[in-house]
Amino acid sequence: MGGFSIWHWLIVLLIVVMVFGTKKLRNMGGDLGGAVKGFKDGMKDGGAAPADDKTAAVTNSQAADKPVDKTTIDVEAKKL
C-alpha cells in the first residue's frame, strides 16, 4: 500500500477538470488567491495601531440624531 504515483494524480486531475470545468476552476483559483491576499493584508494591518478617526466612535449625541429603530431595545445596566 504505497503512495499514489503520478498517473493516479493525473487521472484525479482529469476527473476534477471534467466535473467542474476549466472556467469554474479558474474562478475558484482567483477567489482563493484573493482571499489569501486579503488575509495576509489583514494580518499585516492587525499589528499596527489604529488610526485616530473621528468617525470610529459614536457618541450618544450622534446616536440621538439618527431615527429610532423600533425593533431594537437600548438598555443601560446599573450597578446596585
PDB file of N, CA and C in Angstrom:
ATOM      1  N   MET A   1       0.840  -1.181   0.000  1.00  0.00           N
ATOM      2  CA  MET A   1       0.000   0.000   0.000  1.00  0.00           C
ATOM      3  C   MET A   1       0.882   1.241   0.000  1.00  0.00           C
ATOM      4  N   GLY A   2       1.446   1.560  -1.094  1.00  0.00           N
ATOM      5  CA  GLY A   2       2.317   2.715  -1.191  1.00  0.00           C
ATOM      6  C   GLY A   2       1.540   3.986  -1.505  1.00  0.00           C
ATOM      7  N   GLY A   3       2.277   5.017  -1.792  1.00  0.00           N
ATOM      8  CA  GLY A   3       1.665   6.286  -2.149  1.00  0.00           C
ATOM      9  C   GLY A   3       1.135   6.270  -3.570  1.00  0.00           C
ATOM     10  N   PHE A   4       0.541   7.353  -3.944  1.00  0.00           N
ATOM     11  CA  PHE A   4      -0.001   7.470  -5.294  1.00  0.00           C
ATOM     12  C   PHE A   4       1.114   7.825  -6.274  1.00  0.00           C
ATOM     13  N   SER A   5       1.025   7.263  -7.457  1.00  0.00           N
ATOM     14  CA  SER A   5       2.001   7.586  -8.495  1.00  0.00           C
ATOM     15  C   SER A   5       1.513   8.801  -9.275  1.00  0.00           C
ATOM     16  N   ILE A   6       2.319   9.290 -10.187  1.00  0.00           N
ATOM     17  CA  ILE A   6       1.959  10.445 -10.998  1.00  0.00           C
ATOM     18  C   ILE A   6       0.729  10.154 -11.852  1.00  0.00           C
ATOM     19  N   TRP A   7       0.565   8.918 -12.271  1.00  0.00           N
ATOM     20  CA  TRP A   7      -0.594   8.561 -13.101  1.00  0.00           C
ATOM     21  C   TRP A   7      -1.897   8.652 -12.318  1.00  0.00           C
ATOM     22  N   HIS A   8      -1.858   8.297 -11.052  1.00  0.00           N
ATOM     23  CA  HIS A   8      -3.046   8.428 -10.210  1.00  0.00           C
ATOM     24  C   HIS A   8      -3.456   9.899 -10.106  1.00  0.00           C
ATOM     25  N   TRP A   9      -2.479  10.781  -9.880  1.00  0.00           N
ATOM     26  CA  TRP A   9      -2.774  12.202  -9.729  1.00  0.00           C
ATOM     27  C   TRP A   9      -3.269  12.810 -11.045  1.00  0.00           C
ATOM     28  N   LEU A  10      -2.731  12.349 -12.174  1.00  0.00           N
ATOM     29  CA  LEU A  10      -3.205  12.853 -13.464  1.00  0.00           C
ATOM     30  C   LEU A  10      -4.651  12.440 -13.733  1.00  0.00           C
ATOM     31  N   ILE A  11      -5.003  11.238 -13.363  1.00  0.00           N
ATOM     32  CA  ILE A  11      -6.383  10.779 -13.537  1.00  0.00           C
ATOM     33  C   ILE A  11      -7.325  11.571 -12.634  1.00  0.00           C
ATOM     34  N   VAL A  12      -6.923  11.819 -11.395  1.00  0.00           N
ATOM     35  CA  VAL A  12      -7.741  12.625 -10.477  1.00  0.00           C
ATOM     36  C   VAL A  12      -7.904  14.037 -11.027  1.00  0.00           C
ATOM     37  N   LEU A  13      -6.836  14.623 -11.532  1.00  0.00           N
ATOM     38  CA  LEU A  13      -6.904  15.969 -12.111  1.00  0.00           C
ATOM     39  C   LEU A  13      -7.835  16.004 -13.314  1.00  0.00           C
ATOM     40  N   LEU A  14      -7.769  15.000 -14.167  1.00  0.00           N
ATOM     41  CA  LEU A  14      -8.638  14.917 -15.332  1.00  0.00           C
ATOM     42  C   LEU A  14     -10.107  14.814 -14.918  1.00  0.00           C
ATOM     43  N   ILE A  15     -10.405  14.033 -13.907  1.00  0.00           N
ATOM     44  CA  ILE A  15     -11.788  13.892 -13.432  1.00  0.00           C
ATOM     45  C   ILE A  15     -12.288  15.207 -12.833  1.00  0.00           C
ATOM     46  N   VAL A  16     -11.440  15.887 -12.068  1.00  0.00           N
ATOM     47  CA  VAL A  16     -11.840  17.173 -11.473  1.00  0.00           C
ATOM     48  C   VAL A  16     -12.119  18.192 -12.565  1.00  0.00           C
ATOM     49  N   VAL A  17     -11.284  18.248 -13.591  1.00  0.00           N
ATOM     50  CA  VAL A  17     -11.498  19.190 -14.695  1.00  0.00           C
ATOM     51  C   VAL A  17     -12.781  18.846 -15.436  1.00  0.00           C
ATOM     52  N   MET A  18     -13.047  17.580 -15.617  1.00  0.00           N
ATOM     53  CA  MET A  18     -14.269  17.177 -16.317  1.00  0.00           C
ATOM     54  C   MET A  18     -15.512  17.509 -15.498  1.00  0.00           C
ATOM     55  N   VAL A  19     -15.448  17.380 -14.190  1.00  0.00           N
ATOM     56  CA  VAL A  19     -16.614  17.643 -13.343  1.00  0.00           C
ATOM     57  C   VAL A  19     -16.870  19.141 -13.223  1.00  0.00           C
ATOM     58  N   PHE A  20     -15.854  19.912 -12.911  1.00  0.00           N
ATOM     59  CA  PHE A  20     -16.044  21.334 -12.644  1.00  0.00           C
ATOM     60  C   PHE A  20     -15.883  22.211 -13.878  1.00  0.00           C
ATOM     61  N   GLY A  21     -15.073  21.842 -14.803  1.00  0.00           N
ATOM     62  CA  GLY A  21     -14.797  22.687 -15.962  1.00  0.00           C
ATOM     63  C   GLY A  21     -13.675  23.660 -15.668  1.00  0.00           C
ATOM     64  N   THR A  22     -12.998  24.086 -16.730  1.00  0.00           N
ATOM     65  CA  THR A  22     -11.829  24.945 -16.546  1.00  0.00           C
ATOM     66  C   THR A  22     -12.204  26.344 -16.089  1.00  0.00           C
ATOM     67  N   LYS A  23     -13.351  26.859 -16.555  1.00  0.00           N
ATOM     68  CA  LYS A  23     -13.740  28.222 -16.187  1.00  0.00           C
ATOM     69  C   LYS A  23     -14.040  28.309 -14.695  1.00  0.00           C
ATOM     70  N   LYS A  24     -14.774  27.344 -14.173  1.00  0.00           N
ATOM     71  CA  LYS A  24     -15.111  27.359 -12.756  1.00  0.00           C
ATOM     72  C   LYS A  24     -13.860  27.168 -11.900  1.00  0.00           C
ATOM     73  N   LEU A  25     -12.957  26.304 -12.343  1.00  0.00           N
ATOM     74  CA  LEU A  25     -11.711  26.102 -11.602  1.00  0.00           C
ATOM     75  C   LEU A  25     -10.866  27.373 -11.595  1.00  0.00           C
ATOM     76  N   ARG A  26     -10.848  28.094 -12.721  1.00  0.00           N
ATOM     77  CA  ARG A  26     -10.097  29.346 -12.799  1.00  0.00           C
ATOM     78  C   ARG A  26     -10.701  30.382 -11.848  1.00  0.00           C
ATOM     79  N   ASN A  27     -12.030  30.457 -11.814  1.00  0.00           N
ATOM     80  CA  ASN A  27     -12.693  31.399 -10.909  1.00  0.00           C
ATOM     81  C   ASN A  27     -12.430  31.047  -9.448  1.00  0.00           C
ATOM     82  N   MET A  28     -12.474  29.752  -9.137  1.00  0.00           N
ATOM     83  CA  MET A  28     -12.204  29.336  -7.760  1.00  0.00           C
ATOM     84  C   MET A  28     -10.770  29.642  -7.368  1.00  0.00           C
ATOM     85  N   GLY A  29      -9.830  29.471  -8.309  1.00  0.00           N
ATOM     86  CA  GLY A  29      -8.432  29.798  -8.033  1.00  0.00           C
ATOM     87  C   GLY A  29      -8.244  31.281  -7.786  1.00  0.00           C
ATOM     88  N   GLY A  30      -8.911  32.116  -8.581  1.00  0.00           N
ATOM     89  CA  GLY A  30      -8.822  33.566  -8.380  1.00  0.00           C
ATOM     90  C   GLY A  30      -9.437  33.994  -7.061  1.00  0.00           C
ATOM     91  N   ASP A  31     -10.565  33.386  -6.705  1.00  0.00           N
ATOM     92  CA  ASP A  31     -11.201  33.701  -5.425  1.00  0.00           C
ATOM     93  C   ASP A  31     -10.322  33.283  -4.255  1.00  0.00           C
ATOM     94  N   LEU A  32      -9.721  32.115  -4.373  1.00  0.00           N
ATOM     95  CA  LEU A  32      -8.846  31.631  -3.307  1.00  0.00           C
ATOM     96  C   LEU A  32      -7.616  32.532  -3.172  1.00  0.00           C
ATOM     97  N   GLY A  33      -7.046  32.950  -4.296  1.00  0.00           N
ATOM     98  CA  GLY A  33      -5.895  33.852  -4.252  1.00  0.00           C
ATOM     99  C   GLY A  33      -6.253  35.197  -3.636  1.00  0.00           C
ATOM    100  N   GLY A  34      -7.432  35.727  -3.969  1.00  0.00           N
ATOM    101  CA  GLY A  34      -7.877  36.990  -3.386  1.00  0.00           C
ATOM    102  C   GLY A  34      -8.108  36.876  -1.888  1.00  0.00           C
ATOM    103  N   ALA A  35      -8.637  35.725  -1.461  1.00  0.00           N
ATOM    104  CA  ALA A  35      -8.873  35.520  -0.035  1.00  0.00           C
ATOM    105  C   ALA A  35      -7.551  35.431   0.724  1.00  0.00           C
ATOM    106  N   VAL A  36      -6.577  34.745   0.160  1.00  0.00           N
ATOM    107  CA  VAL A  36      -5.266  34.628   0.812  1.00  0.00           C
ATOM    108  C   VAL A  36      -4.591  35.992   0.889  1.00  0.00           C
ATOM    109  N   LYS A  37      -4.699  36.768  -0.185  1.00  0.00           N
ATOM    110  CA  LYS A  37      -4.098  38.108  -0.192  1.00  0.00           C
ATOM    111  C   LYS A  37      -4.772  39.004   0.842  1.00  0.00           C
ATOM    112  N   GLY A  38      -6.095  38.933   0.920  1.00  0.00           N
ATOM    113  CA  GLY A  38      -6.818  39.723   1.924  1.00  0.00           C
ATOM    114  C   GLY A  38      -6.452  39.311   3.341  1.00  0.00           C
ATOM    115  N   PHE A  39      -6.273  38.009   3.559  1.00  0.00           N
ATOM    116  CA  PHE A  39      -5.879  37.527   4.877  1.00  0.00           C
ATOM    117  C   PHE A  39      -4.490  38.029   5.246  1.00  0.00           C
ATOM    118  N   LYS A  40      -3.560  37.978   4.296  1.00  0.00           N
ATOM    119  CA  LYS A  40      -2.203  38.460   4.571  1.00  0.00           C
ATOM    120  C   LYS A  40      -2.199  39.952   4.868  1.00  0.00           C
ATOM    121  N   ASP A  41      -2.966  40.730   4.090  1.00  0.00           N
ATOM    122  CA  ASP A  41      -3.051  42.164   4.339  1.00  0.00           C
ATOM    123  C   ASP A  41      -3.673  42.442   5.711  1.00  0.00           C
ATOM    124  N   GLY A  42      -4.674  41.659   6.074  1.00  0.00           N
ATOM    125  CA  GLY A  42      -5.294  41.820   7.382  1.00  0.00           C
ATOM    126  C   GLY A  42      -4.341  41.494   8.517  1.00  0.00           C
ATOM    127  N   MET A  43      -3.502  40.493   8.307  1.00  0.00           N
ATOM    128  CA  MET A  43      -2.527  40.144   9.339  1.00  0.00           C
ATOM    129  C   MET A  43      -1.473  41.235   9.487  1.00  0.00           C
ATOM    130  N   LYS A  44      -1.090  41.867   8.376  1.00  0.00           N
ATOM    131  CA  LYS A  44      -0.114  42.957   8.448  1.00  0.00           C
ATOM    132  C   LYS A  44      -0.727  44.168   9.138  1.00  0.00           C
ATOM    133  N   ASP A  45      -1.970  44.508   8.798  1.00  0.00           N
ATOM    134  CA  ASP A  45      -2.627  45.677   9.369  1.00  0.00           C
ATOM    135  C   ASP A  45      -3.071  45.443  10.802  1.00  0.00           C
ATOM    136  N   GLY A  46      -3.244  44.205  11.205  1.00  0.00           N
ATOM    137  CA  GLY A  46      -3.713  43.898  12.552  1.00  0.00           C
ATOM    138  C   GLY A  46      -2.719  44.293  13.626  1.00  0.00           C
ATOM    139  N   GLY A  47      -1.440  44.275  13.330  1.00  0.00           N
ATOM    140  CA  GLY A  47      -0.433  44.623  14.322  1.00  0.00           C
ATOM    141  C   GLY A  47      -0.227  46.115  14.466  1.00  0.00           C
ATOM    142  N   ALA A  48      -0.669  46.886  13.499  1.00  0.00           N
ATOM    143  CA  ALA A  48      -0.485  48.334  13.544  1.00  0.00           C
ATOM    144  C   ALA A  48      -1.501  48.960  14.489  1.00  0.00           C
ATOM    145  N   ALA A  49      -1.121  50.101  15.075  1.00  0.00           N
ATOM    146  CA  ALA A  49      -2.029  50.828  15.957  1.00  0.00           C
ATOM    147  C   ALA A  49      -3.148  51.442  15.119  1.00  0.00           C
ATOM    148  N   PRO A  50      -4.375  51.424  15.632  1.00  0.00           N
ATOM    149  CA  PRO A  50      -5.474  52.005  14.870  1.00  0.00           C
ATOM    150  C   PRO A  50      -5.313  53.516  14.741  1.00  0.00           C
ATOM    151  N   ALA A  51      -5.695  54.034  13.596  1.00  0.00           N
ATOM    152  CA  ALA A  51      -5.584  55.469  13.345  1.00  0.00           C
ATOM    153  C   ALA A  51      -6.635  56.208  14.149  1.00  0.00           C
ATOM    154  N   ASP A  52      -6.326  57.433  14.535  1.00  0.00           N
ATOM    155  CA  ASP A  52      -7.271  58.268  15.281  1.00  0.00           C
ATOM    156  C   ASP A  52      -8.310  58.791  14.304  1.00  0.00           C
ATOM    157  N   ASP A  53      -9.466  58.177  14.303  1.00  0.00           N
ATOM    158  CA  ASP A  53     -10.511  58.510  13.345  1.00  0.00           C
ATOM    159  C   ASP A  53     -11.712  59.050  14.092  1.00  0.00           C
ATOM    160  N   LYS A  54     -12.189  60.212  13.693  1.00  0.00           N
ATOM    161  CA  LYS A  54     -13.336  60.820  14.362  1.00  0.00           C
ATOM    162  C   LYS A  54     -14.619  60.039  14.121  1.00  0.00           C
ATOM    163  N   THR A  55     -14.694  59.326  13.016  1.00  0.00           N
ATOM    164  CA  THR A  55     -15.916  58.600  12.706  1.00  0.00           C
ATOM    165  C   THR A  55     -15.961  57.232  13.371  1.00  0.00           C
ATOM    166  N   ALA A  56     -14.881  56.809  14.023  1.00  0.00           N
ATOM    167  CA  ALA A  56     -14.846  55.481  14.620  1.00  0.00           C
ATOM    168  C   ALA A  56     -15.747  55.398  15.849  1.00  0.00           C
ATOM    169  N   ALA A  57     -15.756  56.430  16.661  1.00  0.00           N
ATOM    170  CA  ALA A  57     -16.542  56.404  17.888  1.00  0.00           C
ATOM    171  C   ALA A  57     -17.833  57.185  17.688  1.00  0.00           C
ATOM    172  N   VAL A  58     -18.922  56.576  18.109  1.00  0.00           N
ATOM    173  CA  VAL A  58     -20.225  57.241  18.026  1.00  0.00           C
ATOM    174  C   VAL A  58     -20.626  57.615  19.436  1.00  0.00           C
ATOM    175  N   THR A  59     -20.891  58.887  19.643  1.00  0.00           N
ATOM    176  CA  THR A  59     -21.299  59.338  20.966  1.00  0.00           C
ATOM    177  C   THR A  59     -22.811  59.289  21.080  1.00  0.00           C
ATOM    178  N   ASN A  60     -23.316  59.471  22.282  1.00  0.00           N
ATOM    179  CA  ASN A  60     -24.752  59.428  22.497  1.00  0.00           C
ATOM    180  C   ASN A  60     -25.466  60.561  21.762  1.00  0.00           C
ATOM    181  N   SER A  61     -24.836  61.716  21.666  1.00  0.00           N
ATOM    182  CA  SER A  61     -25.473  62.823  20.960  1.00  0.00           C
ATOM    183  C   SER A  61     -25.569  62.542  19.466  1.00  0.00           C
ATOM    184  N   GLN A  62     -24.588  61.850  18.903  1.00  0.00           N
ATOM    185  CA  GLN A  62     -24.659  61.495  17.489  1.00  0.00           C
ATOM    186  C   GLN A  62     -25.706  60.423  17.260  1.00  0.00           C
ATOM    187  N   ALA A  63     -25.832  59.481  18.183  1.00  0.00           N
ATOM    188  CA  ALA A  63     -26.812  58.411  18.041  1.00  0.00           C
ATOM    189  C   ALA A  63     -28.223  58.955  18.163  1.00  0.00           C
ATOM    190  N   ALA A  64     -28.415  60.046  18.926  1.00  0.00           N
ATOM    191  CA  ALA A  64     -29.749  60.627  19.099  1.00  0.00           C
ATOM    192  C   ALA A  64     -30.237  61.282  17.815  1.00  0.00           C
ATOM    193  N   ASP A  65     -29.317  61.701  16.947  1.00  0.00           N
ATOM    194  CA  ASP A  65     -29.709  62.346  15.701  1.00  0.00           C
ATOM    195  C   ASP A  65     -30.295  61.352  14.698  1.00  0.00           C
ATOM    196  N   LYS A  66     -29.988  60.082  14.841  1.00  0.00           N
ATOM    197  CA  LYS A  66     -30.454  59.080  13.898  1.00  0.00           C
ATOM    198  C   LYS A  66     -31.882  58.660  14.234  1.00  0.00           C
ATOM    199  N   PRO A  67     -32.648  58.215  13.248  1.00  0.00           N
ATOM    200  CA  PRO A  67     -34.008  57.773  13.526  1.00  0.00           C
ATOM    201  C   PRO A  67     -34.002  56.529  14.417  1.00  0.00           C
ATOM    202  N   VAL A  68     -35.042  56.409  15.228  1.00  0.00           N
ATOM    203  CA  VAL A  68     -35.135  55.317  16.188  1.00  0.00           C
ATOM    204  C   VAL A  68     -35.614  54.062  15.484  1.00  0.00           C
ATOM    205  N   ASP A  69     -34.911  52.967  15.722  1.00  0.00           N
ATOM    206  CA  ASP A  69     -35.303  51.674  15.181  1.00  0.00           C
ATOM    207  C   ASP A  69     -36.187  50.994  16.211  1.00  0.00           C
ATOM    208  N   LYS A  70     -37.430  50.721  15.881  1.00  0.00           N
ATOM    209  CA  LYS A  70     -38.384  50.185  16.840  1.00  0.00           C
ATOM    210  C   LYS A  70     -38.173  48.707  17.133  1.00  0.00           C
ATOM    211  N   THR A  71     -37.318  48.032  16.386  1.00  0.00           N
ATOM    212  CA  THR A  71     -37.075  46.619  16.634  1.00  0.00           C
ATOM    213  C   THR A  71     -35.919  46.391  17.595  1.00  0.00           C
ATOM    214  N   THR A  72     -35.206  47.451  17.976  1.00  0.00           N
ATOM    215  CA  THR A  72     -34.063  47.332  18.858  1.00  0.00           C
ATOM    216  C   THR A  72     -34.373  48.003  20.196  1.00  0.00           C
ATOM    217  N   ILE A  73     -33.998  47.351  21.285  1.00  0.00           N
ATOM    218  CA  ILE A  73     -34.208  47.928  22.620  1.00  0.00           C
ATOM    219  C   ILE A  73     -32.849  48.346  23.144  1.00  0.00           C
ATOM    220  N   ASP A  74     -32.725  49.621  23.507  1.00  0.00           N
ATOM    221  CA  ASP A  74     -31.484  50.156  24.038  1.00  0.00           C
ATOM    222  C   ASP A  74     -31.612  50.232  25.561  1.00  0.00           C
ATOM    223  N   VAL A  75     -30.773  49.495  26.259  1.00  0.00           N
ATOM    224  CA  VAL A  75     -30.846  49.465  27.716  1.00  0.00           C
ATOM    225  C   VAL A  75     -29.495  49.826  28.302  1.00  0.00           C
ATOM    226  N   GLU A  76     -29.534  50.196  29.566  1.00  0.00           N
ATOM    227  CA  GLU A  76     -28.310  50.529  30.279  1.00  0.00           C
ATOM    228  C   GLU A  76     -28.335  49.782  31.614  1.00  0.00           C
ATOM    229  N   ALA A  77     -27.290  49.034  31.898  1.00  0.00           N
ATOM    230  CA  ALA A  77     -27.214  48.288  33.144  1.00  0.00           C
ATOM    231  C   ALA A  77     -26.690  49.180  34.233  1.00  0.00           C
ATOM    232  N   LYS A  78     -27.350  49.122  35.406  1.00  0.00           N
ATOM    233  CA  LYS A  78     -26.922  49.920  36.549  1.00  0.00           C
ATOM    234  C   LYS A  78     -26.458  48.982  37.644  1.00  0.00           C
ATOM    235  N   LYS A  79     -25.369  49.355  38.277  1.00  0.00           N
ATOM    236  CA  LYS A  79     -24.831  48.550  39.365  1.00  0.00           C
ATOM    237  C   LYS A  79     -25.507  48.962  40.656  1.00  0.00           C
ATOM    238  N   LEU A  80     -25.985  47.997  41.418  1.00  0.00           N
ATOM    239  CA  LEU A  80     -26.680  48.284  42.688  1.00  0.00           C
ATOM    240  C   LEU A  80     -25.740  48.326  43.840  1.00  0.00           C
TER     241      LEU A  80
END
